[in-house]
Every structure is written in structure tokens, then in C-alpha cells.
Amino acid sequence: RIGDSVKLAKDMGMSALAITDHGQLYGAFKFFVKAQAAGIKPIIGVEAYKAKGSRHDRDADDEKTRSHLVLLAKDLTGYKNLLRMITDAHMEGFHYKPRIDFELLEKYHEGLIALSGCMHGEIPQALLQGQHTKAEKLLKQYLDIFGKDFYLEIQ
């Protein structure tokens, strides 16, 4: 729960806290207000669903092949780009879940930090399947888009 998370962060002496709802930003406003009231810097983000190919594809197997990618807003530009991307994911990319793709990431990457995602991220999945060349190619694509604002998660 947002209130509990903010209180715990405050009690632990944390200066910042992020929220990353799956595929949407529904909790962002409430989180922002509560975090600011507690004197904690709110970081707005999303754990996005990324389509294997294009967000416009409607492959029946896509429900099993989409991956996760964490996006965090660094500033107001990043927040606006998150809003645009998630809106397009719902309006254009919805197929079981709201999905983004590399086209949206390239268009709206400014002001965002990207994390490779949990074990359901594209790069972790490629590594788990022994597809090291594919993982390197994906890493290069993300670095080309986000540069120093792309981070590999280790879990």
C-alpha cells in the first residue's frame, strides 16, 4: 500500500522512493502527494510490458512472449513522456496488456531512466535461454536509446 510504503521509507531514513505500477500509472498521483507530504522525493515510474516485435502486432502467442521493462521519470519531461508512452500502449498496443515497443522507446526516451527488468525482461530471458548473442544485441539497442540512463538489473 502506498501509505505504508511511504511511512516505511520515512522511518528508514530514505530520501527518495519510486512507484512502478505494472503497465499503468494509476497510483502515481496518490503516491506523489503522500511522498511529498512525508518529505520524500517521489520517483514516478512504470514496469512496462514490451511487445516482442511491434506493439501493433496481435500474435496470439504475444501474451507469453511480452517482457518487462522498468521506466523511471528523471524530470517533468520524463513524466510527460511516460504519460505519452503508456497512453499509446493502451490505445495502440493493447493486446491482453498495454504494450510498448522500441518505436515508442526511441520516440519518448528523453527524461527517462530504463532498467532491464526482472527475470521477465528481454535481456534476462535471453540469458536464461542461453541466447548470449541476442542478449548483447538487445543491450546495444537499449544503450543506443538510453545511453548512460540504461541499467541492468541483477536478481
C-alpha atoms as a PDB file:
ATOM      1  CA  ARG A   1       0.000   0.000   0.000  1.00  0.00           C
ATOM      2  CA  ILE A   2       1.230   3.465  -0.867  1.00  0.00           C
ATOM      3  CA  GLY A   3       0.793   4.987   2.602  1.00  0.00           C
ATOM      4  CA  ASP A   4       2.551   2.059   4.266  1.00  0.00           C
ATOM      5  CA  SER A   5       5.434   2.180   1.785  1.00  0.00           C
ATOM      6  CA  VAL A   6       5.939   5.918   2.250  1.00  0.00           C
ATOM      7  CA  LYS A   7       5.827   5.575   6.053  1.00  0.00           C
ATOM      8  CA  LEU A   8       8.340   2.719   5.996  1.00  0.00           C
ATOM      9  CA  ALA A   9      10.679   4.698   3.724  1.00  0.00           C
ATOM     10  CA  LYS A  10      10.423   7.698   6.081  1.00  0.00           C
ATOM     11  CA  ASP A  11      11.029   5.508   9.152  1.00  0.00           C
ATOM     12  CA  MET A  12      14.114   4.026   7.464  1.00  0.00           C
ATOM     13  CA  GLY A  13      15.525   7.479   6.711  1.00  0.00           C
ATOM     14  CA  MET A  14      15.173   7.162   2.939  1.00  0.00           C
ATOM     15  CA  SER A  15      15.207  10.405   0.959  1.00  0.00           C
ATOM     16  CA  ALA A  16      13.529   9.047  -2.199  1.00  0.00           C
ATOM     17  CA  LEU A  17      11.079   6.311  -3.193  1.00  0.00           C
ATOM     18  CA  ALA A  18       9.791   5.050  -6.549  1.00  0.00           C
ATOM     19  CA  ILE A  19       6.484   3.591  -7.641  1.00  0.00           C
ATOM     20  CA  THR A  20       6.344   1.290 -10.677  1.00  0.00           C
ATOM     21  CA  ASP A  21       2.840   0.019 -11.336  1.00  0.00           C
ATOM     22  CA  HIS A  22       2.564  -2.720 -13.963  1.00  0.00           C
ATOM     23  CA  GLY A  23       1.591  -1.255 -17.329  1.00  0.00           C
ATOM     24  CA  GLN A  24      -0.038   1.917 -15.992  1.00  0.00           C
ATOM     25  CA  LEU A  25       0.357   4.958 -13.744  1.00  0.00           C
ATOM     26  CA  TYR A  26      -2.846   4.765 -11.725  1.00  0.00           C
ATOM     27  CA  GLY A  27      -1.135   5.093  -8.324  1.00  0.00           C
ATOM     28  CA  ALA A  28       1.225   7.911  -9.349  1.00  0.00           C
ATOM     29  CA  PHE A  29      -0.814  10.891  -8.146  1.00  0.00           C
ATOM     30  CA  LYS A  30      -1.650   9.466  -4.717  1.00  0.00           C
ATOM     31  CA  PHE A  31       1.962   8.331  -4.325  1.00  0.00           C
ATOM     32  CA  PHE A  32       3.323  11.751  -5.329  1.00  0.00           C
ATOM     33  CA  VAL A  33       1.124  13.579  -2.818  1.00  0.00           C
ATOM     34  CA  LYS A  34       1.876  11.194   0.073  1.00  0.00           C
ATOM     35  CA  ALA A  35       5.620  11.076  -0.582  1.00  0.00           C
ATOM     36  CA  GLN A  36       5.931  14.854  -0.789  1.00  0.00           C
ATOM     37  CA  ALA A  37       3.890  15.285   2.395  1.00  0.00           C
ATOM     38  CA  ALA A  38       6.351  12.946   4.141  1.00  0.00           C
ATOM     39  CA  GLY A  39       9.371  14.866   2.829  1.00  0.00           C
ATOM     40  CA  ILE A  40      10.413  12.061   0.486  1.00  0.00           C
ATOM     41  CA  LYS A  41      11.323  12.629  -3.166  1.00  0.00           C
ATOM     42  CA  PRO A  42       8.744  10.741  -5.255  1.00  0.00           C
ATOM     43  CA  ILE A  43      10.065   8.932  -8.336  1.00  0.00           C
ATOM     44  CA  ILE A  44       7.296   8.098 -10.801  1.00  0.00           C
ATOM     45  CA  GLY A  45       7.753   5.047 -12.962  1.00  0.00           C
ATOM     46  CA  VAL A  46       6.147   2.073 -14.620  1.00  0.00           C
ATOM     47  CA  GLU A  47       7.007  -1.568 -15.111  1.00  0.00           C
ATOM     48  CA  ALA A  48       6.049  -1.573 -18.767  1.00  0.00           C
ATOM     49  CA  TYR A  49       5.062  -4.544 -20.864  1.00  0.00           C
ATOM     50  CA  LYS A  50       7.204  -4.639 -24.007  1.00  0.00           C
ATOM     51  CA  ALA A  51       5.949  -6.370 -27.127  1.00  0.00           C
ATOM     52  CA  LYS A  52       8.308  -8.886 -28.704  1.00  0.00           C
ATOM     53  CA  GLY A  53       8.014  -7.020 -32.007  1.00  0.00           C
ATOM     54  CA  SER A  54       5.686  -4.138 -32.763  1.00  0.00           C
ATOM     55  CA  ARG A  55       3.012  -3.006 -30.321  1.00  0.00           C
ATOM     56  CA  HIS A  56       0.626  -3.196 -33.289  1.00  0.00           C
ATOM     57  CA  ASP A  57       1.126  -6.973 -33.694  1.00  0.00           C
ATOM     58  CA  ARG A  58      -1.709  -9.151 -32.412  1.00  0.00           C
ATOM     59  CA  ASP A  59       0.015 -12.512 -32.299  1.00  0.00           C
ATOM     60  CA  ALA A  60      -1.892 -14.959 -30.100  1.00  0.00           C
ATOM     61  CA  ASP A  61       1.403 -16.059 -28.533  1.00  0.00           C
ATOM     62  CA  ASP A  62       2.326 -12.487 -27.534  1.00  0.00           C
ATOM     63  CA  GLU A  63       0.739 -12.925 -24.122  1.00  0.00           C
ATOM     64  CA  LYS A  64       3.521 -15.406 -23.411  1.00  0.00           C
ATOM     65  CA  THR A  65       6.364 -13.520 -25.133  1.00  0.00           C
ATOM     66  CA  ARG A  66       5.985  -9.932 -23.912  1.00  0.00           C
ATOM     67  CA  SER A  67       8.627  -8.816 -21.476  1.00  0.00           C
ATOM     68  CA  HIS A  68       9.002  -6.318 -18.639  1.00  0.00           C
ATOM     69  CA  LEU A  69      10.988  -3.071 -18.665  1.00  0.00           C
ATOM     70  CA  VAL A  70      11.161  -0.554 -15.809  1.00  0.00           C
ATOM     71  CA  LEU A  71      10.997   3.118 -16.797  1.00  0.00           C
ATOM     72  CA  LEU A  72      11.570   5.927 -14.276  1.00  0.00           C
ATOM     73  CA  ALA A  73      10.960   9.642 -14.840  1.00  0.00           C
ATOM     74  CA  LYS A  74      14.017  11.787 -14.086  1.00  0.00           C
ATOM     75  CA  ASP A  75      12.171  15.063 -14.551  1.00  0.00           C
ATOM     76  CA  LEU A  76       8.970  16.661 -15.886  1.00  0.00           C
ATOM     77  CA  THR A  77       9.926  15.822 -19.480  1.00  0.00           C
ATOM     78  CA  GLY A  78      10.345  12.175 -18.484  1.00  0.00           C
ATOM     79  CA  TYR A  79       6.997  12.177 -16.684  1.00  0.00           C
ATOM     80  CA  LYS A  80       5.261  13.614 -19.760  1.00  0.00           C
ATOM     81  CA  ASN A  81       6.986  11.019 -21.934  1.00  0.00           C
ATOM     82  CA  LEU A  82       5.836   8.247 -19.587  1.00  0.00           C
ATOM     83  CA  LEU A  83       2.278   9.539 -19.925  1.00  0.00           C
ATOM     84  CA  ARG A  84       2.537   9.598 -23.730  1.00  0.00           C
ATOM     85  CA  MET A  85       4.080   6.141 -23.905  1.00  0.00           C
ATOM     86  CA  ILE A  86       1.586   4.496 -21.565  1.00  0.00           C
ATOM     87  CA  THR A  87      -1.312   6.193 -23.370  1.00  0.00           C
ATOM     88  CA  ASP A  88      -0.058   4.816 -26.693  1.00  0.00           C
ATOM     89  CA  ALA A  89       0.467   1.405 -25.064  1.00  0.00           C
ATOM     90  CA  HIS A  90      -3.215   1.380 -24.060  1.00  0.00           C
ATOM     91  CA  MET A  91      -4.618   2.942 -27.255  1.00  0.00           C
ATOM     92  CA  GLU A  92      -2.416   1.273 -29.890  1.00  0.00           C
ATOM     93  CA  GLY A  93      -0.609  -1.603 -28.213  1.00  0.00           C
ATOM     94  CA  PHE A  94      -3.255  -3.213 -26.046  1.00  0.00           C
ATOM     95  CA  HIS A  95      -3.310  -6.984 -26.561  1.00  0.00           C
ATOM     96  CA  TYR A  96      -4.029  -8.725 -23.251  1.00  0.00           C
ATOM     97  CA  LYS A  97      -1.897  -5.955 -21.647  1.00  0.00           C
ATOM     98  CA  PRO A  98      -0.868  -2.411 -22.665  1.00  0.00           C
ATOM     99  CA  ARG A  99       2.386  -2.905 -24.615  1.00  0.00           C
ATOM    100  CA  ILE A 100       5.181  -0.611 -25.710  1.00  0.00           C
ATOM    101  CA  ASP A 101       7.859  -1.299 -28.316  1.00  0.00           C
ATOM    102  CA  PHE A 102      11.231   0.040 -29.471  1.00  0.00           C
ATOM    103  CA  GLU A 103       9.475   2.629 -31.648  1.00  0.00           C
ATOM    104  CA  LEU A 104       7.847   4.240 -28.584  1.00  0.00           C
ATOM    105  CA  LEU A 105      11.049   3.961 -26.555  1.00  0.00           C
ATOM    106  CA  GLU A 106      13.002   5.770 -29.275  1.00  0.00           C
ATOM    107  CA  LYS A 107      10.339   8.458 -29.597  1.00  0.00           C
ATOM    108  CA  TYR A 108       9.784   9.112 -25.868  1.00  0.00           C
ATOM    109  CA  HIS A 109      13.061   8.199 -24.127  1.00  0.00           C
ATOM    110  CA  GLU A 110      14.047  11.739 -23.143  1.00  0.00           C
ATOM    111  CA  GLY A 111      13.983  12.289 -19.387  1.00  0.00           C
ATOM    112  CA  LEU A 112      13.705   8.575 -18.625  1.00  0.00           C
ATOM    113  CA  ILE A 113      15.884   6.017 -16.910  1.00  0.00           C
ATOM    114  CA  ALA A 114      15.391   2.413 -18.040  1.00  0.00           C
ATOM    115  CA  LEU A 115      16.138  -0.768 -16.111  1.00  0.00           C
ATOM    116  CA  SER A 116      16.373  -4.124 -17.878  1.00  0.00           C
ATOM    117  CA  GLY A 117      13.528  -5.537 -15.827  1.00  0.00           C
ATOM    118  CA  CYS A 118      13.030  -8.503 -13.583  1.00  0.00           C
ATOM    119  CA  MET A 119      13.541 -12.076 -14.736  1.00  0.00           C
ATOM    120  CA  HIS A 120      10.783 -11.354 -17.272  1.00  0.00           C
ATOM    121  CA  GLY A 121      12.888  -8.702 -19.014  1.00  0.00           C
ATOM    122  CA  GLU A 122      14.105  -9.319 -22.567  1.00  0.00           C
ATOM    123  CA  ILE A 123      17.779  -9.448 -21.673  1.00  0.00           C
ATOM    124  CA  PRO A 124      17.374 -11.747 -18.635  1.00  0.00           C
ATOM    125  CA  GLN A 125      15.151 -14.063 -20.676  1.00  0.00           C
ATOM    126  CA  ALA A 126      17.701 -14.248 -23.498  1.00  0.00           C
ATOM    127  CA  LEU A 127      20.449 -15.049 -20.986  1.00  0.00           C
ATOM    128  CA  LEU A 128      18.337 -17.693 -19.250  1.00  0.00           C
ATOM    129  CA  GLN A 129      17.757 -19.349 -22.631  1.00  0.00           C
ATOM    130  CA  GLY A 130      21.488 -19.309 -23.430  1.00  0.00           C
ATOM    131  CA  GLN A 131      20.992 -16.752 -26.226  1.00  0.00           C
ATOM    132  CA  HIS A 132      24.001 -14.582 -25.403  1.00  0.00           C
ATOM    133  CA  THR A 133      24.252 -13.006 -28.865  1.00  0.00           C
ATOM    134  CA  LYS A 134      20.601 -11.970 -28.669  1.00  0.00           C
ATOM    135  CA  ALA A 135      21.151 -10.544 -25.168  1.00  0.00           C
ATOM    136  CA  GLU A 136      24.125  -8.493 -26.432  1.00  0.00           C
ATOM    137  CA  LYS A 137      22.083  -7.209 -29.389  1.00  0.00           C
ATOM    138  CA  LEU A 138      19.234  -6.169 -27.080  1.00  0.00           C
ATOM    139  CA  LEU A 139      21.665  -4.498 -24.679  1.00  0.00           C
ATOM    140  CA  LYS A 140      23.103  -2.492 -27.587  1.00  0.00           C
ATOM    141  CA  GLN A 141      19.587  -1.428 -28.678  1.00  0.00           C
ATOM    142  CA  TYR A 142      18.772  -0.184 -25.175  1.00  0.00           C
ATOM    143  CA  LEU A 143      22.135   1.572 -24.820  1.00  0.00           C
ATOM    144  CA  ASP A 144      21.642   3.254 -28.210  1.00  0.00           C
ATOM    145  CA  ILE A 145      18.328   4.652 -26.949  1.00  0.00           C
ATOM    146  CA  PHE A 146      19.062   5.435 -23.293  1.00  0.00           C
ATOM    147  CA  GLY A 147      22.863   5.662 -23.130  1.00  0.00           C
ATOM    148  CA  LYS A 148      24.085   6.089 -19.537  1.00  0.00           C
ATOM    149  CA  ASP A 149      20.452   6.021 -18.362  1.00  0.00           C
ATOM    150  CA  PHE A 150      20.097   2.289 -19.011  1.00  0.00           C
ATOM    151  CA  TYR A 151      20.840  -0.117 -16.159  1.00  0.00           C
ATOM    152  CA  LEU A 152      20.999  -3.904 -15.992  1.00  0.00           C
ATOM    153  CA  GLU A 153      19.079  -5.338 -13.054  1.00  0.00           C
ATOM    154  CA  ILE A 154      20.648  -8.224 -11.190  1.00  0.00           C
ATOM    155  CA  GLN A 155      18.297 -10.504  -9.280  1.00  0.00           C
END
